[in-house]
N, C-alpha and C. Protein backbone atom coordinates (compact mmCIF):
# COMPACT_ATOMS: atom_id res chain seq x y z
N ALA A 1 -16.60 21.12 -14.84
CA ALA A 1 -15.76 20.16 -15.55
C ALA A 1 -14.53 19.77 -14.73
N VAL A 2 -14.13 20.63 -13.81
CA VAL A 2 -12.95 20.35 -12.97
C VAL A 2 -13.41 20.24 -11.52
N GLU A 3 -12.93 19.20 -10.85
CA GLU A 3 -13.31 19.00 -9.44
C GLU A 3 -12.06 18.73 -8.62
N LEU A 4 -11.95 19.41 -7.51
CA LEU A 4 -10.84 19.23 -6.57
C LEU A 4 -11.41 18.67 -5.27
N SER A 5 -10.85 17.55 -4.80
CA SER A 5 -11.26 16.96 -3.53
C SER A 5 -10.06 16.93 -2.60
N VAL A 6 -10.29 17.35 -1.36
CA VAL A 6 -9.23 17.34 -0.35
C VAL A 6 -9.78 16.66 0.90
N ALA A 7 -8.99 15.76 1.46
CA ALA A 7 -9.42 15.05 2.66
C ALA A 7 -8.24 14.92 3.62
N LEU A 8 -8.56 14.80 4.89
CA LEU A 8 -7.53 14.60 5.91
C LEU A 8 -8.07 13.59 6.91
N ARG A 9 -7.25 12.59 7.18
CA ARG A 9 -7.63 11.55 8.14
C ARG A 9 -6.53 11.47 9.19
N TYR A 10 -6.93 11.18 10.42
CA TYR A 10 -5.96 10.99 11.50
C TYR A 10 -6.29 9.67 12.18
N ASP A 11 -5.28 8.85 12.34
CA ASP A 11 -5.44 7.58 13.07
C ASP A 11 -4.50 7.58 14.26
N GLU A 12 -4.98 7.05 15.37
CA GLU A 12 -4.14 6.84 16.55
C GLU A 12 -4.48 5.47 17.11
N ASP A 13 -3.47 4.66 17.30
CA ASP A 13 -3.65 3.29 17.77
C ASP A 13 -2.76 3.09 18.99
N LYS A 14 -3.39 2.90 20.15
CA LYS A 14 -2.65 2.63 21.38
C LYS A 14 -2.65 1.13 21.58
N ARG A 15 -1.47 0.54 21.60
CA ARG A 15 -1.35 -0.91 21.72
C ARG A 15 -0.62 -1.29 22.99
N GLU A 16 -0.98 -2.47 23.48
CA GLU A 16 -0.36 -3.00 24.69
C GLU A 16 -0.17 -4.49 24.53
N GLN A 17 0.94 -4.96 25.06
CA GLN A 17 1.24 -6.40 25.02
C GLN A 17 1.67 -6.83 26.41
N ARG A 18 1.09 -7.92 26.89
CA ARG A 18 1.48 -8.49 28.18
C ARG A 18 1.88 -9.93 27.96
N ASP A 19 2.82 -10.41 28.77
CA ASP A 19 3.18 -11.82 28.66
C ASP A 19 2.13 -12.67 29.39
N LEU A 20 2.21 -13.96 29.22
CA LEU A 20 1.20 -14.85 29.78
C LEU A 20 1.13 -14.81 31.31
N LEU A 21 2.24 -14.53 31.96
CA LEU A 21 2.28 -14.48 33.42
C LEU A 21 1.90 -13.11 33.97
N GLY A 22 1.80 -12.12 33.09
CA GLY A 22 1.46 -10.77 33.54
C GLY A 22 2.63 -10.03 34.16
N SER A 23 3.85 -10.53 34.01
CA SER A 23 5.00 -9.87 34.62
C SER A 23 5.62 -8.83 33.69
N ARG A 24 5.26 -8.85 32.44
CA ARG A 24 5.83 -7.89 31.49
C ARG A 24 4.69 -7.20 30.75
N ARG A 25 4.80 -5.88 30.65
CA ARG A 25 3.80 -5.09 29.93
C ARG A 25 4.54 -4.10 29.03
N ASP A 26 4.27 -4.19 27.74
CA ASP A 26 4.86 -3.26 26.77
C ASP A 26 3.72 -2.46 26.15
N SER A 27 3.97 -1.18 25.91
CA SER A 27 2.94 -0.37 25.27
C SER A 27 3.59 0.59 24.28
N ALA A 28 2.83 0.97 23.28
CA ALA A 28 3.29 1.93 22.28
C ALA A 28 2.06 2.57 21.66
N THR A 29 2.23 3.80 21.20
CA THR A 29 1.18 4.52 20.49
C THR A 29 1.68 4.84 19.10
N PHE A 30 0.86 4.52 18.11
CA PHE A 30 1.19 4.78 16.71
C PHE A 30 0.13 5.74 16.17
N SER A 31 0.55 6.76 15.43
CA SER A 31 -0.41 7.72 14.90
C SER A 31 0.15 8.36 13.64
N ASP A 32 -0.78 8.87 12.82
CA ASP A 32 -0.35 9.54 11.60
C ASP A 32 -1.52 10.31 10.99
N PHE A 33 -1.21 11.46 10.38
CA PHE A 33 -2.15 12.18 9.53
C PHE A 33 -2.01 11.61 8.13
N GLN A 34 -3.13 11.47 7.43
CA GLN A 34 -3.12 10.93 6.08
C GLN A 34 -3.91 11.86 5.15
N PRO A 35 -3.22 12.80 4.52
CA PRO A 35 -3.92 13.69 3.59
C PRO A 35 -4.17 13.00 2.25
N LYS A 36 -5.16 13.51 1.55
CA LYS A 36 -5.47 13.02 0.20
C LYS A 36 -5.97 14.20 -0.62
N ILE A 37 -5.48 14.29 -1.85
CA ILE A 37 -5.93 15.34 -2.75
C ILE A 37 -6.13 14.72 -4.13
N SER A 38 -7.27 15.00 -4.72
CA SER A 38 -7.60 14.47 -6.05
C SER A 38 -8.09 15.61 -6.93
N LEU A 39 -7.67 15.58 -8.18
CA LEU A 39 -8.10 16.54 -9.17
C LEU A 39 -8.64 15.75 -10.36
N SER A 40 -9.88 16.03 -10.75
CA SER A 40 -10.45 15.35 -11.92
C SER A 40 -10.93 16.40 -12.92
N TRP A 41 -10.89 16.00 -14.19
CA TRP A 41 -11.27 16.90 -15.27
C TRP A 41 -12.11 16.12 -16.26
N LYS A 42 -13.35 16.51 -16.41
CA LYS A 42 -14.24 15.88 -17.39
C LYS A 42 -14.01 16.55 -18.74
N LEU A 43 -13.32 15.84 -19.62
CA LEU A 43 -13.08 16.37 -20.96
C LEU A 43 -14.38 16.43 -21.75
N THR A 44 -15.18 15.39 -21.60
CA THR A 44 -16.51 15.31 -22.19
C THR A 44 -17.40 14.65 -21.14
N PRO A 45 -18.70 14.56 -21.37
CA PRO A 45 -19.54 13.86 -20.38
C PRO A 45 -19.14 12.39 -20.19
N ASP A 46 -18.39 11.80 -21.15
CA ASP A 46 -18.04 10.39 -21.08
C ASP A 46 -16.56 10.11 -20.84
N VAL A 47 -15.73 11.14 -20.72
CA VAL A 47 -14.29 10.94 -20.54
C VAL A 47 -13.79 11.83 -19.41
N MET A 48 -13.18 11.20 -18.42
CA MET A 48 -12.63 11.94 -17.28
C MET A 48 -11.17 11.55 -17.06
N LEU A 49 -10.33 12.54 -16.85
CA LEU A 49 -8.94 12.34 -16.44
C LEU A 49 -8.83 12.69 -14.97
N TYR A 50 -7.94 12.00 -14.24
CA TYR A 50 -7.80 12.32 -12.82
C TYR A 50 -6.36 12.10 -12.36
N GLY A 51 -6.03 12.75 -11.28
CA GLY A 51 -4.75 12.56 -10.60
C GLY A 51 -5.00 12.61 -9.11
N THR A 52 -4.31 11.75 -8.37
CA THR A 52 -4.51 11.67 -6.92
C THR A 52 -3.17 11.52 -6.22
N TYR A 53 -3.03 12.22 -5.10
CA TYR A 53 -1.92 12.01 -4.17
C TYR A 53 -2.55 11.67 -2.82
N ALA A 54 -2.05 10.61 -2.18
CA ALA A 54 -2.57 10.24 -0.87
C ALA A 54 -1.45 9.62 -0.04
N GLU A 55 -1.53 9.82 1.25
CA GLU A 55 -0.60 9.17 2.17
C GLU A 55 -1.35 8.07 2.90
N GLY A 56 -0.67 6.93 3.07
CA GLY A 56 -1.27 5.80 3.76
C GLY A 56 -0.51 5.47 5.03
N TYR A 57 -1.11 4.63 5.85
CA TYR A 57 -0.56 4.33 7.18
C TYR A 57 -1.02 2.94 7.60
N LYS A 58 -0.11 2.21 8.20
CA LYS A 58 -0.46 0.94 8.84
C LYS A 58 0.17 0.98 10.23
N SER A 59 -0.61 0.69 11.23
CA SER A 59 -0.16 0.75 12.61
C SER A 59 1.02 -0.18 12.86
N GLY A 60 1.83 0.16 13.82
CA GLY A 60 2.91 -0.71 14.26
C GLY A 60 2.38 -1.87 15.07
N ALA A 61 3.28 -2.70 15.54
CA ALA A 61 2.88 -3.90 16.27
C ALA A 61 4.02 -4.34 17.19
N PHE A 62 3.80 -5.45 17.87
CA PHE A 62 4.81 -6.03 18.74
C PHE A 62 5.21 -7.41 18.23
N ASN A 63 6.48 -7.72 18.37
CA ASN A 63 6.96 -9.08 18.26
C ASN A 63 6.92 -9.70 19.66
N PRO A 64 7.01 -11.00 19.76
CA PRO A 64 7.14 -11.59 21.09
C PRO A 64 8.41 -11.05 21.77
N PRO A 65 8.41 -10.92 23.09
CA PRO A 65 9.63 -10.44 23.76
C PRO A 65 10.82 -11.32 23.36
N PRO A 66 11.92 -10.70 22.95
CA PRO A 66 13.06 -11.49 22.48
C PRO A 66 13.75 -12.25 23.61
N ALA A 67 14.20 -13.43 23.26
CA ALA A 67 15.01 -14.23 24.19
C ALA A 67 16.44 -13.70 24.12
N PRO A 68 17.28 -14.03 25.11
CA PRO A 68 18.68 -13.58 25.07
C PRO A 68 19.35 -14.00 23.75
N GLY A 69 20.04 -13.05 23.12
CA GLY A 69 20.75 -13.32 21.89
C GLY A 69 19.94 -13.06 20.63
N GLN A 70 18.64 -12.84 20.76
CA GLN A 70 17.84 -12.54 19.58
C GLN A 70 18.00 -11.07 19.20
N THR A 71 17.98 -10.79 17.90
CA THR A 71 18.29 -9.44 17.44
C THR A 71 17.09 -8.72 16.83
N PHE A 72 15.93 -9.35 16.73
CA PHE A 72 14.80 -8.65 16.12
C PHE A 72 14.22 -7.65 17.13
N PRO A 73 13.56 -6.61 16.63
CA PRO A 73 13.04 -5.58 17.55
C PRO A 73 11.76 -6.03 18.24
N LEU A 74 11.55 -5.54 19.45
CA LEU A 74 10.29 -5.79 20.16
C LEU A 74 9.15 -5.03 19.48
N VAL A 75 9.39 -3.76 19.18
CA VAL A 75 8.38 -2.92 18.56
C VAL A 75 8.63 -2.83 17.06
N VAL A 76 7.63 -3.16 16.29
CA VAL A 76 7.69 -3.00 14.83
C VAL A 76 7.06 -1.65 14.54
N GLN A 77 7.82 -0.76 13.91
CA GLN A 77 7.34 0.60 13.67
C GLN A 77 6.20 0.62 12.66
N GLN A 78 5.38 1.66 12.73
CA GLN A 78 4.31 1.83 11.75
C GLN A 78 4.92 2.05 10.38
N GLU A 79 4.18 1.65 9.34
CA GLU A 79 4.64 1.89 7.98
C GLU A 79 3.80 2.98 7.36
N GLY A 80 4.37 3.65 6.37
CA GLY A 80 3.66 4.72 5.68
C GLY A 80 3.93 4.66 4.19
N THR A 81 3.01 5.24 3.44
CA THR A 81 3.16 5.29 1.99
C THR A 81 2.83 6.68 1.47
N ASP A 82 3.49 7.03 0.38
CA ASP A 82 3.14 8.20 -0.43
C ASP A 82 2.69 7.63 -1.76
N ASN A 83 1.42 7.87 -2.13
CA ASN A 83 0.82 7.25 -3.30
C ASN A 83 0.46 8.30 -4.36
N PHE A 84 0.82 8.01 -5.60
CA PHE A 84 0.51 8.88 -6.73
C PHE A 84 -0.22 8.04 -7.78
N GLU A 85 -1.31 8.57 -8.34
CA GLU A 85 -2.04 7.85 -9.38
C GLU A 85 -2.55 8.83 -10.42
N LEU A 86 -2.40 8.46 -11.69
CA LEU A 86 -2.96 9.20 -12.81
C LEU A 86 -3.83 8.23 -13.59
N GLY A 87 -4.98 8.70 -14.09
CA GLY A 87 -5.82 7.77 -14.81
C GLY A 87 -6.86 8.42 -15.68
N MET A 88 -7.59 7.54 -16.37
CA MET A 88 -8.67 7.95 -17.24
C MET A 88 -9.83 6.97 -17.06
N LYS A 89 -11.03 7.50 -17.00
CA LYS A 89 -12.25 6.68 -16.98
C LYS A 89 -13.10 7.16 -18.15
N SER A 90 -13.62 6.20 -18.92
CA SER A 90 -14.38 6.61 -20.09
C SER A 90 -15.46 5.59 -20.43
N SER A 91 -16.49 6.08 -21.11
CA SER A 91 -17.51 5.20 -21.67
C SER A 91 -17.81 5.69 -23.09
N TRP A 92 -18.12 4.72 -23.94
CA TRP A 92 -18.28 5.01 -25.37
C TRP A 92 -19.53 4.30 -25.87
N LEU A 93 -20.03 4.74 -27.00
CA LEU A 93 -21.14 4.09 -27.68
C LEU A 93 -22.34 3.89 -26.75
N ASP A 94 -22.76 4.96 -26.13
CA ASP A 94 -23.90 4.94 -25.23
C ASP A 94 -23.70 3.91 -24.10
N GLN A 95 -22.50 3.90 -23.53
CA GLN A 95 -22.07 3.05 -22.41
C GLN A 95 -22.02 1.55 -22.76
N LYS A 96 -21.95 1.25 -24.05
CA LYS A 96 -21.78 -0.15 -24.46
C LYS A 96 -20.32 -0.57 -24.34
N LEU A 97 -19.43 0.40 -24.26
CA LEU A 97 -18.00 0.12 -24.09
C LEU A 97 -17.46 1.05 -23.00
N VAL A 98 -16.83 0.45 -22.00
CA VAL A 98 -16.21 1.22 -20.91
C VAL A 98 -14.73 0.87 -20.91
N ALA A 99 -13.89 1.90 -20.90
CA ALA A 99 -12.43 1.69 -20.88
C ALA A 99 -11.82 2.60 -19.82
N ASN A 100 -11.02 2.00 -18.95
CA ASN A 100 -10.35 2.73 -17.88
C ASN A 100 -8.87 2.37 -17.88
N ALA A 101 -8.04 3.33 -17.51
CA ALA A 101 -6.60 3.10 -17.43
C ALA A 101 -6.03 3.91 -16.28
N SER A 102 -5.00 3.38 -15.64
CA SER A 102 -4.35 4.12 -14.56
C SER A 102 -2.88 3.72 -14.47
N LEU A 103 -2.08 4.65 -14.00
CA LEU A 103 -0.67 4.43 -13.66
C LEU A 103 -0.51 4.82 -12.21
N TYR A 104 0.31 4.07 -11.46
CA TYR A 104 0.50 4.41 -10.06
C TYR A 104 1.96 4.24 -9.64
N TYR A 105 2.28 4.95 -8.60
CA TYR A 105 3.62 4.89 -8.01
C TYR A 105 3.45 5.06 -6.51
N THR A 106 4.08 4.18 -5.73
CA THR A 106 3.99 4.23 -4.27
C THR A 106 5.38 4.16 -3.67
N GLU A 107 5.66 5.07 -2.76
CA GLU A 107 6.90 5.02 -1.96
C GLU A 107 6.53 4.48 -0.58
N TYR A 108 7.19 3.39 -0.19
CA TYR A 108 6.97 2.79 1.13
C TYR A 108 8.05 3.28 2.09
N HIS A 109 7.65 3.58 3.31
CA HIS A 109 8.58 3.97 4.37
C HIS A 109 8.37 3.02 5.54
N ASP A 110 9.41 2.40 6.02
CA ASP A 110 9.34 1.46 7.15
C ASP A 110 8.37 0.31 6.88
N ALA A 111 8.45 -0.26 5.70
CA ALA A 111 7.57 -1.38 5.32
C ALA A 111 7.74 -2.52 6.31
N GLN A 112 6.62 -3.09 6.75
CA GLN A 112 6.65 -4.21 7.70
C GLN A 112 6.83 -5.51 6.92
N ILE A 113 7.92 -6.20 7.23
CA ILE A 113 8.28 -7.43 6.53
C ILE A 113 8.36 -8.56 7.55
N PHE A 114 7.81 -9.71 7.23
CA PHE A 114 7.87 -10.86 8.12
C PHE A 114 9.05 -11.76 7.74
N GLN A 115 9.70 -12.29 8.75
CA GLN A 115 10.82 -13.21 8.51
C GLN A 115 10.80 -14.31 9.57
N LEU A 116 11.54 -15.34 9.29
CA LEU A 116 11.62 -16.48 10.19
C LEU A 116 12.68 -16.22 11.26
N ASP A 117 12.31 -16.44 12.51
CA ASP A 117 13.27 -16.37 13.61
C ASP A 117 13.92 -17.75 13.71
N LEU A 118 15.17 -17.86 13.35
CA LEU A 118 15.85 -19.15 13.29
C LEU A 118 16.02 -19.80 14.66
N GLN A 119 16.02 -19.00 15.73
CA GLN A 119 16.18 -19.59 17.07
C GLN A 119 14.92 -20.29 17.56
N THR A 120 13.76 -19.69 17.28
CA THR A 120 12.52 -20.25 17.80
C THR A 120 11.68 -20.96 16.73
N GLY A 121 11.98 -20.68 15.47
CA GLY A 121 11.17 -21.23 14.38
C GLY A 121 9.89 -20.45 14.16
N GLY A 122 9.70 -19.38 14.91
CA GLY A 122 8.50 -18.56 14.77
C GLY A 122 8.69 -17.44 13.76
N GLN A 123 7.64 -16.73 13.52
CA GLN A 123 7.67 -15.61 12.59
C GLN A 123 7.73 -14.31 13.36
N VAL A 124 8.59 -13.40 12.93
CA VAL A 124 8.70 -12.08 13.53
C VAL A 124 8.63 -11.03 12.43
N ALA A 125 8.39 -9.80 12.81
CA ALA A 125 8.31 -8.71 11.84
C ALA A 125 9.46 -7.75 12.07
N ILE A 126 9.93 -7.16 10.98
CA ILE A 126 10.94 -6.11 11.02
C ILE A 126 10.49 -5.00 10.07
N ASN A 127 11.17 -3.87 10.12
CA ASN A 127 10.88 -2.78 9.19
C ASN A 127 12.00 -2.68 8.17
N ALA A 128 11.63 -2.60 6.91
CA ALA A 128 12.57 -2.29 5.84
C ALA A 128 12.49 -0.78 5.62
N ASN A 129 13.64 -0.15 5.42
CA ASN A 129 13.66 1.32 5.36
C ASN A 129 12.79 1.90 4.26
N GLU A 130 13.08 1.56 3.00
CA GLU A 130 12.38 2.17 1.87
C GLU A 130 12.13 1.16 0.77
N ALA A 131 11.01 1.32 0.08
CA ALA A 131 10.68 0.48 -1.06
C ALA A 131 9.82 1.30 -2.03
N GLU A 132 9.73 0.81 -3.27
CA GLU A 132 8.92 1.47 -4.28
C GLU A 132 8.04 0.44 -4.99
N ILE A 133 6.86 0.86 -5.36
CA ILE A 133 5.95 0.05 -6.16
C ILE A 133 5.46 0.94 -7.29
N ARG A 134 5.51 0.43 -8.51
CA ARG A 134 4.99 1.18 -9.64
C ARG A 134 4.26 0.21 -10.58
N GLY A 135 3.29 0.73 -11.27
CA GLY A 135 2.55 -0.15 -12.18
C GLY A 135 1.42 0.56 -12.88
N GLY A 136 0.59 -0.25 -13.49
CA GLY A 136 -0.55 0.28 -14.22
C GLY A 136 -1.63 -0.76 -14.37
N GLU A 137 -2.80 -0.29 -14.72
CA GLU A 137 -3.95 -1.17 -14.91
C GLU A 137 -4.75 -0.68 -16.11
N LEU A 138 -5.24 -1.64 -16.88
CA LEU A 138 -6.17 -1.38 -17.98
C LEU A 138 -7.37 -2.27 -17.76
N GLU A 139 -8.55 -1.73 -17.93
CA GLU A 139 -9.75 -2.56 -17.84
C GLU A 139 -10.76 -2.10 -18.88
N GLN A 140 -11.46 -3.08 -19.44
CA GLN A 140 -12.43 -2.77 -20.48
C GLN A 140 -13.66 -3.65 -20.28
N THR A 141 -14.81 -3.07 -20.47
CA THR A 141 -16.07 -3.80 -20.40
C THR A 141 -16.87 -3.49 -21.65
N ALA A 142 -17.38 -4.54 -22.28
CA ALA A 142 -18.21 -4.36 -23.46
C ALA A 142 -19.58 -4.99 -23.20
N ARG A 143 -20.61 -4.31 -23.65
CA ARG A 143 -21.98 -4.81 -23.55
C ARG A 143 -22.57 -4.82 -24.98
N PRO A 144 -22.19 -5.83 -25.78
CA PRO A 144 -22.59 -5.82 -27.18
C PRO A 144 -24.10 -6.01 -27.39
N VAL A 145 -24.72 -6.79 -26.52
CA VAL A 145 -26.18 -7.00 -26.60
C VAL A 145 -26.74 -7.04 -25.19
N ARG A 146 -27.99 -6.81 -25.07
CA ARG A 146 -28.65 -6.81 -23.76
C ARG A 146 -28.46 -8.17 -23.08
N GLY A 147 -28.02 -8.16 -21.80
CA GLY A 147 -27.84 -9.38 -21.03
C GLY A 147 -26.46 -10.02 -21.15
N LEU A 148 -25.58 -9.45 -21.98
CA LEU A 148 -24.23 -10.00 -22.15
C LEU A 148 -23.21 -8.91 -21.83
N GLU A 149 -22.33 -9.23 -20.90
CA GLU A 149 -21.26 -8.29 -20.54
C GLU A 149 -19.94 -9.03 -20.59
N LEU A 150 -18.98 -8.48 -21.32
CA LEU A 150 -17.65 -9.06 -21.45
C LEU A 150 -16.66 -8.10 -20.81
N SER A 151 -15.80 -8.63 -19.93
CA SER A 151 -14.83 -7.79 -19.23
C SER A 151 -13.44 -8.37 -19.37
N ALA A 152 -12.47 -7.49 -19.45
CA ALA A 152 -11.07 -7.89 -19.49
C ALA A 152 -10.27 -6.86 -18.71
N ALA A 153 -9.23 -7.34 -18.04
CA ALA A 153 -8.38 -6.43 -17.27
C ALA A 153 -6.94 -6.92 -17.34
N LEU A 154 -6.02 -5.98 -17.27
CA LEU A 154 -4.60 -6.27 -17.28
C LEU A 154 -3.94 -5.38 -16.24
N GLY A 155 -3.14 -5.97 -15.39
CA GLY A 155 -2.42 -5.19 -14.39
C GLY A 155 -0.95 -5.54 -14.40
N TYR A 156 -0.11 -4.57 -14.12
CA TYR A 156 1.33 -4.79 -14.05
C TYR A 156 1.84 -4.09 -12.80
N THR A 157 2.63 -4.80 -12.01
CA THR A 157 3.22 -4.23 -10.81
C THR A 157 4.70 -4.56 -10.79
N ASP A 158 5.51 -3.57 -10.48
CA ASP A 158 6.95 -3.77 -10.32
C ASP A 158 7.32 -3.15 -8.98
N SER A 159 7.90 -3.95 -8.10
CA SER A 159 8.24 -3.45 -6.77
C SER A 159 9.69 -3.79 -6.46
N GLU A 160 10.29 -2.98 -5.60
CA GLU A 160 11.65 -3.29 -5.17
C GLU A 160 11.98 -2.53 -3.89
N PHE A 161 12.84 -3.16 -3.10
CA PHE A 161 13.41 -2.46 -1.94
C PHE A 161 14.48 -1.52 -2.47
N THR A 162 14.41 -0.24 -2.10
CA THR A 162 15.44 0.71 -2.49
C THR A 162 16.45 0.93 -1.37
N ASP A 163 16.04 0.63 -0.14
CA ASP A 163 16.95 0.67 1.01
C ASP A 163 16.37 -0.25 2.06
N PHE A 164 16.78 -1.52 2.03
CA PHE A 164 16.20 -2.49 2.97
C PHE A 164 16.63 -2.21 4.40
N ASN A 165 17.95 -2.16 4.63
CA ASN A 165 18.43 -1.95 6.00
C ASN A 165 19.69 -1.08 6.08
N GLY A 166 19.96 -0.33 5.02
CA GLY A 166 21.12 0.56 5.03
C GLY A 166 22.42 -0.08 4.59
N THR A 167 22.41 -1.39 4.37
CA THR A 167 23.64 -2.08 3.97
C THR A 167 23.72 -2.34 2.48
N GLY A 168 22.61 -2.17 1.75
CA GLY A 168 22.58 -2.49 0.33
C GLY A 168 22.38 -3.96 0.05
N LEU A 169 22.33 -4.79 1.10
CA LEU A 169 22.30 -6.24 0.95
C LEU A 169 21.08 -6.74 0.18
N PHE A 170 19.89 -6.26 0.48
CA PHE A 170 18.68 -6.74 -0.18
C PHE A 170 18.07 -5.72 -1.13
N ASP A 171 18.74 -4.60 -1.36
CA ASP A 171 18.23 -3.58 -2.26
C ASP A 171 18.06 -4.16 -3.66
N GLY A 172 16.96 -3.80 -4.30
CA GLY A 172 16.66 -4.32 -5.63
C GLY A 172 15.79 -5.56 -5.61
N ASN A 173 15.66 -6.24 -4.46
CA ASN A 173 14.78 -7.40 -4.37
C ASN A 173 13.32 -6.96 -4.41
N ARG A 174 12.46 -7.83 -4.93
CA ARG A 174 11.04 -7.58 -5.00
C ARG A 174 10.41 -7.70 -3.61
N LEU A 175 9.36 -6.91 -3.35
CA LEU A 175 8.63 -7.01 -2.09
C LEU A 175 7.87 -8.34 -2.03
N PRO A 176 7.71 -8.90 -0.83
CA PRO A 176 6.91 -10.13 -0.69
C PRO A 176 5.47 -9.89 -1.16
N ASN A 177 4.87 -10.90 -1.72
CA ASN A 177 3.47 -10.87 -2.15
C ASN A 177 3.19 -9.78 -3.19
N ALA A 178 4.18 -9.41 -3.98
CA ALA A 178 4.01 -8.42 -5.03
C ALA A 178 4.61 -8.94 -6.34
N PRO A 179 3.99 -9.95 -6.94
CA PRO A 179 4.53 -10.47 -8.20
C PRO A 179 4.35 -9.47 -9.33
N LYS A 180 5.16 -9.61 -10.38
CA LYS A 180 4.97 -8.73 -11.55
C LYS A 180 3.70 -9.13 -12.25
């Protein structure tokens, strides 16, 4: 009735950037261990509760070499996450009704954010120190008669920078591409 899963992943990404003339070569290595642990408990054959903790990773990258006076970094650091999720998966009435629910919380470290470089008009990336994402999901599927399946889902996400750059200037703002 109780199952414990443990996993460990390691990623290493060696990156190199050269300019068009071949006179400049930049290199960096990004790596991280990503553990994951999940605990599930089958209350009945049709109802399971679970909890998961996992760490995530996205490799770093390069911006174009900065021109004199530009302040963005050449190397964009890798980003990492600490992810927590609690949920329930269930089926009822001989699997004619399926209902699932989950709550999640994610802490972002060195989130990669894109911004406009006002000098060149191009896009560059920077790292924001810390951010949080929290939310939940509900989904339900009903199969009232053979050949008919009705599904509905609801998701809510709330995100904010908790420490954008150490100045407090953008703290509390929502993360890009993360609407409520």
